[in-house]
Amino acid sequence: MPVRVDFWDEDEFRRRGLERLIPAARGPAPPGEKFRVVEIVGAEVYPCGGTHVDSTDLCGETVVKKISRSKGNSKVSYAVK
């Protein structure tokens, strides 16, 4: 699946019905501030500042080792073969 990187302001999250993904750790963003988002085309969009491949085909086999949930957050531990 192709991976696309873009930059959205809070209004763009709302236009797409994705308010739940607005990064809120620092409180409300200053007007016009944009957040980096990574979209796995055909799947989901994620706010993220990390490094990403151009396509999920480049990842190889992924094995989920553990999923834990705490205070509304999920943590997924995995290995890539």
PDB file of N, CA and C in Angstrom:
ATOM      1  N   MET A   1       0.848  -1.173   0.000  1.00  0.00           N
ATOM      2  CA  MET A   1       0.000   0.000   0.000  1.00  0.00           C
ATOM      3  C   MET A   1       0.893   1.235   0.000  1.00  0.00           C
ATOM      4  N   PRO A   2       0.588   2.206  -0.829  1.00  0.00           N
ATOM      5  CA  PRO A   2       1.387   3.430  -0.851  1.00  0.00           C
ATOM      6  C   PRO A   2       1.240   4.219   0.452  1.00  0.00           C
ATOM      7  N   VAL A   3       2.304   4.932   0.807  1.00  0.00           N
ATOM      8  CA  VAL A   3       2.317   5.780   1.997  1.00  0.00           C
ATOM      9  C   VAL A   3       2.506   7.217   1.521  1.00  0.00           C
ATOM     10  N   ARG A   4       1.653   8.116   2.034  1.00  0.00           N
ATOM     11  CA  ARG A   4       1.686   9.522   1.617  1.00  0.00           C
ATOM     12  C   ARG A   4       1.863  10.395   2.865  1.00  0.00           C
ATOM     13  N   VAL A   5       2.728  11.400   2.773  1.00  0.00           N
ATOM     14  CA  VAL A   5       2.965  12.337   3.875  1.00  0.00           C
ATOM     15  C   VAL A   5       2.404  13.695   3.475  1.00  0.00           C
ATOM     16  N   ASP A   6       1.717  14.360   4.423  1.00  0.00           N
ATOM     17  CA  ASP A   6       1.136  15.675   4.159  1.00  0.00           C
ATOM     18  C   ASP A   6       1.202  16.488   5.444  1.00  0.00           C
ATOM     19  N   PHE A   7       0.801  17.747   5.384  1.00  0.00           N
ATOM     20  CA  PHE A   7       0.740  18.618   6.554  1.00  0.00           C
ATOM     21  C   PHE A   7      -0.648  19.234   6.615  1.00  0.00           C
ATOM     22  N   TRP A   8      -1.331  19.045   7.752  1.00  0.00           N
ATOM     23  CA  TRP A   8      -2.703  19.536   7.912  1.00  0.00           C
ATOM     24  C   TRP A   8      -2.794  20.475   9.097  1.00  0.00           C
ATOM     25  N   ASP A   9      -3.663  21.500   8.974  1.00  0.00           N
ATOM     26  CA  ASP A   9      -4.021  22.299  10.141  1.00  0.00           C
ATOM     27  C   ASP A   9      -5.262  21.655  10.778  1.00  0.00           C
ATOM     28  N   GLU A  10      -5.679  22.184  11.917  1.00  0.00           N
ATOM     29  CA  GLU A  10      -6.825  21.595  12.625  1.00  0.00           C
ATOM     30  C   GLU A  10      -8.083  21.597  11.766  1.00  0.00           C
ATOM     31  N   ASP A  11      -8.268  22.626  10.950  1.00  0.00           N
ATOM     32  CA  ASP A  11      -9.457  22.685  10.089  1.00  0.00           C
ATOM     33  C   ASP A  11      -9.498  21.520   9.103  1.00  0.00           C
ATOM     34  N   GLU A  12      -8.332  21.107   8.589  1.00  0.00           N
ATOM     35  CA  GLU A  12      -8.295  19.985   7.643  1.00  0.00           C
ATOM     36  C   GLU A  12      -8.717  18.681   8.329  1.00  0.00           C
ATOM     37  N   PHE A  13      -8.277  18.474   9.568  1.00  0.00           N
ATOM     38  CA  PHE A  13      -8.725  17.290  10.316  1.00  0.00           C
ATOM     39  C   PHE A  13     -10.252  17.304  10.432  1.00  0.00           C
ATOM     40  N   ARG A  14     -10.810  18.474  10.751  1.00  0.00           N
ATOM     41  CA  ARG A  14     -12.267  18.583  10.911  1.00  0.00           C
ATOM     42  C   ARG A  14     -12.997  18.365   9.585  1.00  0.00           C
ATOM     43  N   ARG A  15     -12.490  18.940   8.492  1.00  0.00           N
ATOM     44  CA  ARG A  15     -13.114  18.757   7.166  1.00  0.00           C
ATOM     45  C   ARG A  15     -13.208  17.284   6.797  1.00  0.00           C
ATOM     46  N   ARG A  16     -12.227  16.520   7.212  1.00  0.00           N
ATOM     47  CA  ARG A  16     -12.191  15.094   6.872  1.00  0.00           C
ATOM     48  C   ARG A  16     -12.891  14.224   7.917  1.00  0.00           C
ATOM     49  N   GLY A  17     -13.482  14.872   8.936  1.00  0.00           N
ATOM     50  CA  GLY A  17     -14.175  14.117   9.979  1.00  0.00           C
ATOM     51  C   GLY A  17     -13.224  13.359  10.892  1.00  0.00           C
ATOM     52  N   LEU A  18     -12.008  13.864  11.038  1.00  0.00           N
ATOM     53  CA  LEU A  18     -10.985  13.173  11.829  1.00  0.00           C
ATOM     54  C   LEU A  18     -10.528  13.996  13.035  1.00  0.00           C
ATOM     55  N   GLU A  19     -11.460  14.707  13.666  1.00  0.00           N
ATOM     56  CA  GLU A  19     -11.118  15.536  14.824  1.00  0.00           C
ATOM     57  C   GLU A  19     -10.420  14.736  15.911  1.00  0.00           C
ATOM     58  N   ARG A  20     -10.776  13.466  16.028  1.00  0.00           N
ATOM     59  CA  ARG A  20     -10.208  12.608  17.080  1.00  0.00           C
ATOM     60  C   ARG A  20      -8.695  12.470  16.942  1.00  0.00           C
ATOM     61  N   LEU A  21      -8.158  12.789  15.770  1.00  0.00           N
ATOM     62  CA  LEU A  21      -6.723  12.640  15.530  1.00  0.00           C
ATOM     63  C   LEU A  21      -5.930  13.928  15.719  1.00  0.00           C
ATOM     64  N   ILE A  22      -6.599  15.042  16.050  1.00  0.00           N
ATOM     65  CA  ILE A  22      -5.878  16.310  16.231  1.00  0.00           C
ATOM     66  C   ILE A  22      -4.934  16.163  17.422  1.00  0.00           C
ATOM     67  N   PRO A  23      -3.630  16.359  17.204  1.00  0.00           N
ATOM     68  CA  PRO A  23      -2.687  16.256  18.324  1.00  0.00           C
ATOM     69  C   PRO A  23      -3.016  17.309  19.375  1.00  0.00           C
ATOM     70  N   ALA A  24      -3.238  16.877  20.611  1.00  0.00           N
ATOM     71  CA  ALA A  24      -3.684  17.802  21.655  1.00  0.00           C
ATOM     72  C   ALA A  24      -2.747  17.828  22.856  1.00  0.00           C
ATOM     73  N   ALA A  25      -1.603  17.204  22.774  1.00  0.00           N
ATOM     74  CA  ALA A  25      -0.710  17.105  23.929  1.00  0.00           C
ATOM     75  C   ALA A  25      -0.279  18.475  24.442  1.00  0.00           C
ATOM     76  N   ARG A  26      -0.171  19.471  23.553  1.00  0.00           N
ATOM     77  CA  ARG A  26       0.294  20.801  23.956  1.00  0.00           C
ATOM     78  C   ARG A  26      -0.843  21.785  24.133  1.00  0.00           C
ATOM     79  N   GLY A  27      -2.064  21.330  24.055  1.00  0.00           N
ATOM     80  CA  GLY A  27      -3.194  22.241  24.114  1.00  0.00           C
ATOM     81  C   GLY A  27      -3.534  22.722  22.715  1.00  0.00           C
ATOM     82  N   PRO A  28      -4.423  23.708  22.594  1.00  0.00           N
ATOM     83  CA  PRO A  28      -4.830  24.192  21.269  1.00  0.00           C
ATOM     84  C   PRO A  28      -3.633  24.715  20.469  1.00  0.00           C
ATOM     85  N   ALA A  29      -3.630  24.419  19.191  1.00  0.00           N
ATOM     86  CA  ALA A  29      -2.541  24.873  18.312  1.00  0.00           C
ATOM     87  C   ALA A  29      -2.740  26.333  17.950  1.00  0.00           C
ATOM     88  N   PRO A  30      -1.648  27.070  17.762  1.00  0.00           N
ATOM     89  CA  PRO A  30      -1.774  28.444  17.266  1.00  0.00           C
ATOM     90  C   PRO A  30      -2.451  28.431  15.896  1.00  0.00           C
ATOM     91  N   PRO A  31      -3.181  29.484  15.547  1.00  0.00           N
ATOM     92  CA  PRO A  31      -3.853  29.521  14.242  1.00  0.00           C
ATOM     93  C   PRO A  31      -2.870  29.255  13.103  1.00  0.00           C
ATOM     94  N   GLY A  32      -3.277  28.367  12.205  1.00  0.00           N
ATOM     95  CA  GLY A  32      -2.457  28.061  11.037  1.00  0.00           C
ATOM     96  C   GLY A  32      -1.370  27.026  11.244  1.00  0.00           C
ATOM     97  N   GLU A  33      -1.138  26.600  12.499  1.00  0.00           N
ATOM     98  CA  GLU A  33      -0.103  25.581  12.719  1.00  0.00           C
ATOM     99  C   GLU A  33      -0.500  24.283  12.022  1.00  0.00           C
ATOM    100  N   LYS A  34       0.468  23.646  11.389  1.00  0.00           N
ATOM    101  CA  LYS A  34       0.186  22.406  10.670  1.00  0.00           C
ATOM    102  C   LYS A  34       0.887  21.235  11.339  1.00  0.00           C
ATOM    103  N   PHE A  35       0.234  20.084  11.250  1.00  0.00           N
ATOM    104  CA  PHE A  35       0.760  18.852  11.818  1.00  0.00           C
ATOM    105  C   PHE A  35       1.103  17.891  10.688  1.00  0.00           C
ATOM    106  N   ARG A  36       2.198  17.183  10.838  1.00  0.00           N
ATOM    107  CA  ARG A  36       2.583  16.184   9.839  1.00  0.00           C
ATOM    108  C   ARG A  36       1.668  14.976   9.999  1.00  0.00           C
ATOM    109  N   VAL A  37       1.100  14.522   8.894  1.00  0.00           N
ATOM    110  CA  VAL A  37       0.254  13.329   8.906  1.00  0.00           C
ATOM    111  C   VAL A  37       0.793  12.334   7.885  1.00  0.00           C
ATOM    112  N   VAL A  38       0.657  11.069   8.216  1.00  0.00           N
ATOM    113  CA  VAL A  38       1.078   9.986   7.335  1.00  0.00           C
ATOM    114  C   VAL A  38      -0.158   9.166   7.020  1.00  0.00           C
ATOM    115  N   GLU A  39      -0.415   8.981   5.737  1.00  0.00           N
ATOM    116  CA  GLU A  39      -1.584   8.208   5.308  1.00  0.00           C
ATOM    117  C   GLU A  39      -1.115   6.926   4.643  1.00  0.00           C
ATOM    118  N   ILE A  40      -1.607   5.799   5.143  1.00  0.00           N
ATOM    119  CA  ILE A  40      -1.441   4.537   4.436  1.00  0.00           C
ATOM    120  C   ILE A  40      -2.657   4.477   3.531  1.00  0.00           C
ATOM    121  N   VAL A  41      -2.433   4.719   2.241  1.00  0.00           N
ATOM    122  CA  VAL A  41      -3.524   4.868   1.276  1.00  0.00           C
ATOM    123  C   VAL A  41      -4.404   3.625   1.284  1.00  0.00           C
ATOM    124  N   GLY A  42      -5.706   3.857   1.499  1.00  0.00           N
ATOM    125  CA  GLY A  42      -6.655   2.756   1.574  1.00  0.00           C
ATOM    126  C   GLY A  42      -6.860   2.241   2.981  1.00  0.00           C
ATOM    127  N   ALA A  43      -6.123   2.811   3.943  1.00  0.00           N
ATOM    128  CA  ALA A  43      -6.266   2.359   5.329  1.00  0.00           C
ATOM    129  C   ALA A  43      -6.639   3.541   6.223  1.00  0.00           C
ATOM    130  N   GLU A  44      -5.668   4.226   6.806  1.00  0.00           N
ATOM    131  CA  GLU A  44      -5.935   5.251   7.806  1.00  0.00           C
ATOM    132  C   GLU A  44      -4.909   6.363   7.675  1.00  0.00           C
ATOM    133  N   VAL A  45      -5.176   7.463   8.359  1.00  0.00           N
ATOM    134  CA  VAL A  45      -4.280   8.611   8.450  1.00  0.00           C
ATOM    135  C   VAL A  45      -3.838   8.720   9.901  1.00  0.00           C
ATOM    136  N   TYR A  46      -2.555   9.023  10.111  1.00  0.00           N
ATOM    137  CA  TYR A  46      -2.011   9.112  11.461  1.00  0.00           C
ATOM    138  C   TYR A  46      -1.146  10.358  11.592  1.00  0.00           C
ATOM    139  N   PRO A  47      -1.360  11.183  12.658  1.00  0.00           N
ATOM    140  CA  PRO A  47      -0.410  12.255  12.929  1.00  0.00           C
ATOM    141  C   PRO A  47       0.898  11.595  13.372  1.00  0.00           C
ATOM    142  N   CYS A  48       2.031  11.988  12.810  1.00  0.00           N
ATOM    143  CA  CYS A  48       3.270  11.298  13.140  1.00  0.00           C
ATOM    144  C   CYS A  48       4.462  12.122  12.707  1.00  0.00           C
ATOM    145  N   GLY A  49       5.493  12.131  13.519  1.00  0.00           N
ATOM    146  CA  GLY A  49       6.721  12.828  13.175  1.00  0.00           C
ATOM    147  C   GLY A  49       7.868  11.893  12.867  1.00  0.00           C
ATOM    148  N   GLY A  50       7.590  10.596  12.755  1.00  0.00           N
ATOM    149  CA  GLY A  50       8.649   9.606  12.551  1.00  0.00           C
ATOM    150  C   GLY A  50       9.051   9.423  11.101  1.00  0.00           C
ATOM    151  N   THR A  51       9.889   8.420  10.879  1.00  0.00           N
ATOM    152  CA  THR A  51      10.368   8.069   9.547  1.00  0.00           C
ATOM    153  C   THR A  51       9.466   6.996   8.963  1.00  0.00           C
ATOM    154  N   HIS A  52       9.169   7.095   7.677  1.00  0.00           N
ATOM    155  CA  HIS A  52       8.247   6.146   7.049  1.00  0.00           C
ATOM    156  C   HIS A  52       8.742   5.713   5.685  1.00  0.00           C
ATOM    157  N   VAL A  53       8.363   4.501   5.308  1.00  0.00           N
ATOM    158  CA  VAL A  53       8.688   3.977   3.978  1.00  0.00           C
ATOM    159  C   VAL A  53       7.713   4.548   2.957  1.00  0.00           C
ATOM    160  N   ASP A  54       8.053   4.409   1.679  1.00  0.00           N
ATOM    161  CA  ASP A  54       7.180   4.891   0.610  1.00  0.00           C
ATOM    162  C   ASP A  54       6.004   3.966   0.349  1.00  0.00           C
ATOM    163  N   SER A  55       6.131   2.701   0.743  1.00  0.00           N
ATOM    164  CA  SER A  55       5.072   1.714   0.523  1.00  0.00           C
ATOM    165  C   SER A  55       5.191   0.633   1.588  1.00  0.00           C
ATOM    166  N   THR A  56       4.066   0.106   2.048  1.00  0.00           N
ATOM    167  CA  THR A  56       4.111  -0.972   3.038  1.00  0.00           C
ATOM    168  C   THR A  56       4.730  -2.236   2.458  1.00  0.00           C
ATOM    169  N   ASP A  57       4.818  -2.344   1.131  1.00  0.00           N
ATOM    170  CA  ASP A  57       5.476  -3.498   0.497  1.00  0.00           C
ATOM    171  C   ASP A  57       6.944  -3.601   0.904  1.00  0.00           C
ATOM    172  N   LEU A  58       7.550  -2.504   1.298  1.00  0.00           N
ATOM    173  CA  LEU A  58       8.961  -2.483   1.672  1.00  0.00           C
ATOM    174  C   LEU A  58       9.213  -2.966   3.096  1.00  0.00           C
ATOM    175  N   CYS A  59       8.163  -3.214   3.857  1.00  0.00           N
ATOM    176  CA  CYS A  59       8.303  -3.544   5.277  1.00  0.00           C
ATOM    177  C   CYS A  59       8.631  -5.002   5.555  1.00  0.00           C
ATOM    178  N   GLY A  60       8.257  -5.893   4.686  1.00  0.00           N
ATOM    179  CA  GLY A  60       8.444  -7.302   4.996  1.00  0.00           C
ATOM    180  C   GLY A  60       7.341  -7.791   5.914  1.00  0.00           C
ATOM    181  N   GLU A  61       7.501  -9.002   6.394  1.00  0.00           N
ATOM    182  CA  GLU A  61       6.480  -9.599   7.265  1.00  0.00           C
ATOM    183  C   GLU A  61       6.542  -8.960   8.644  1.00  0.00           C
ATOM    184  N   THR A  62       5.402  -8.568   9.161  1.00  0.00           N
ATOM    185  CA  THR A  62       5.309  -7.954  10.477  1.00  0.00           C
ATOM    186  C   THR A  62       4.554  -8.886  11.405  1.00  0.00           C
ATOM    187  N   VAL A  63       5.138  -9.130  12.591  1.00  0.00           N
ATOM    188  CA  VAL A  63       4.521 -10.020  13.573  1.00  0.00           C
ATOM    189  C   VAL A  63       4.188  -9.202  14.820  1.00  0.00           C
ATOM    190  N   VAL A  64       2.910  -9.158  15.197  1.00  0.00           N
ATOM    191  CA  VAL A  64       2.493  -8.450  16.406  1.00  0.00           C
ATOM    192  C   VAL A  64       2.866  -9.310  17.605  1.00  0.00           C
ATOM    193  N   LYS A  65       3.651  -8.748  18.521  1.00  0.00           N
ATOM    194  CA  LYS A  65       4.111  -9.467  19.715  1.00  0.00           C
ATOM    195  C   LYS A  65       3.191  -9.240  20.911  1.00  0.00           C
ATOM    196  N   LYS A  66       2.693  -7.995  21.042  1.00  0.00           N
ATOM    197  CA  LYS A  66       1.891  -7.672  22.225  1.00  0.00           C
ATOM    198  C   LYS A  66       1.072  -6.422  21.941  1.00  0.00           C
ATOM    199  N   ILE A  67      -0.164  -6.394  22.457  1.00  0.00           N
ATOM    200  CA  ILE A  67      -1.010  -5.204  22.400  1.00  0.00           C
ATOM    201  C   ILE A  67      -1.442  -4.901  23.826  1.00  0.00           C
ATOM    202  N   SER A  68      -1.189  -3.684  24.290  1.00  0.00           N
ATOM    203  CA  SER A  68      -1.626  -3.298  25.632  1.00  0.00           C
ATOM    204  C   SER A  68      -2.378  -1.980  25.538  1.00  0.00           C
ATOM    205  N   ARG A  69      -3.291  -1.788  26.476  1.00  0.00           N
ATOM    206  CA  ARG A  69      -4.094  -0.563  26.502  1.00  0.00           C
ATOM    207  C   ARG A  69      -4.055   0.031  27.911  1.00  0.00           C
ATOM    208  N   SER A  70      -3.924   1.358  27.961  1.00  0.00           N
ATOM    209  CA  SER A  70      -3.894   2.039  29.245  1.00  0.00           C
ATOM    210  C   SER A  70      -4.363   3.473  29.055  1.00  0.00           C
ATOM    211  N   LYS A  71      -5.314   3.892  29.854  1.00  0.00           N
ATOM    212  CA  LYS A  71      -5.801   5.278  29.846  1.00  0.00           C
ATOM    213  C   LYS A  71      -6.185   5.756  28.449  1.00  0.00           C
ATOM    214  N   GLY A  72      -6.839   4.908  27.678  1.00  0.00           N
ATOM    215  CA  GLY A  72      -7.308   5.300  26.358  1.00  0.00           C
ATOM    216  C   GLY A  72      -6.266   5.228  25.254  1.00  0.00           C
ATOM    217  N   ASN A  73      -5.067   4.789  25.578  1.00  0.00           N
ATOM    218  CA  ASN A  73      -4.003   4.651  24.578  1.00  0.00           C
ATOM    219  C   ASN A  73      -3.700   3.185  24.340  1.00  0.00           C
ATOM    220  N   SER A  74      -3.330   2.866  23.129  1.00  0.00           N
ATOM    221  CA  SER A  74      -2.924   1.503  22.789  1.00  0.00           C
ATOM    222  C   SER A  74      -1.446   1.508  22.439  1.00  0.00           C
ATOM    223  N   LYS A  75      -0.749   0.454  22.852  1.00  0.00           N
ATOM    224  CA  LYS A  75       0.660   0.280  22.514  1.00  0.00           C
ATOM    225  C   LYS A  75       0.795  -1.074  21.834  1.00  0.00           C
ATOM    226  N   VAL A  76       1.390  -1.083  20.661  1.00  0.00           N
ATOM    227  CA  VAL A  76       1.570  -2.316  19.906  1.00  0.00           C
ATOM    228  C   VAL A  76       3.064  -2.581  19.793  1.00  0.00           C
ATOM    229  N   SER A  77       3.491  -3.751  20.266  1.00  0.00           N
ATOM    230  CA  SER A  77       4.881  -4.179  20.109  1.00  0.00           C
ATOM    231  C   SER A  77       4.925  -5.177  18.966  1.00  0.00           C
ATOM    232  N   TYR A  78       5.904  -5.022  18.080  1.00  0.00           N
ATOM    233  CA  TYR A  78       5.949  -5.886  16.901  1.00  0.00           C
ATOM    234  C   TYR A  78       7.391  -6.114  16.462  1.00  0.00           C
ATOM    235  N   ALA A  79       7.559  -7.107  15.604  1.00  0.00           N
ATOM    236  CA  ALA A  79       8.854  -7.400  14.993  1.00  0.00           C
ATOM    237  C   ALA A  79       8.661  -7.442  13.484  1.00  0.00           C
ATOM    238  N   VAL A  80       9.669  -6.993  12.764  1.00  0.00           N
ATOM    239  CA  VAL A  80       9.649  -7.047  11.302  1.00  0.00           C
ATOM    240  C   VAL A  80      10.710  -8.048  10.873  1.00  0.00           C
ATOM    241  N   LYS A  81      10.280  -9.032  10.072  1.00  0.00           N
ATOM    242  CA  LYS A  81      11.221 -10.069   9.610  1.00  0.00           C
ATOM    243  C   LYS A  81      11.854  -9.658   8.308  1.00  0.00           C
TER     244      LYS A  81
END
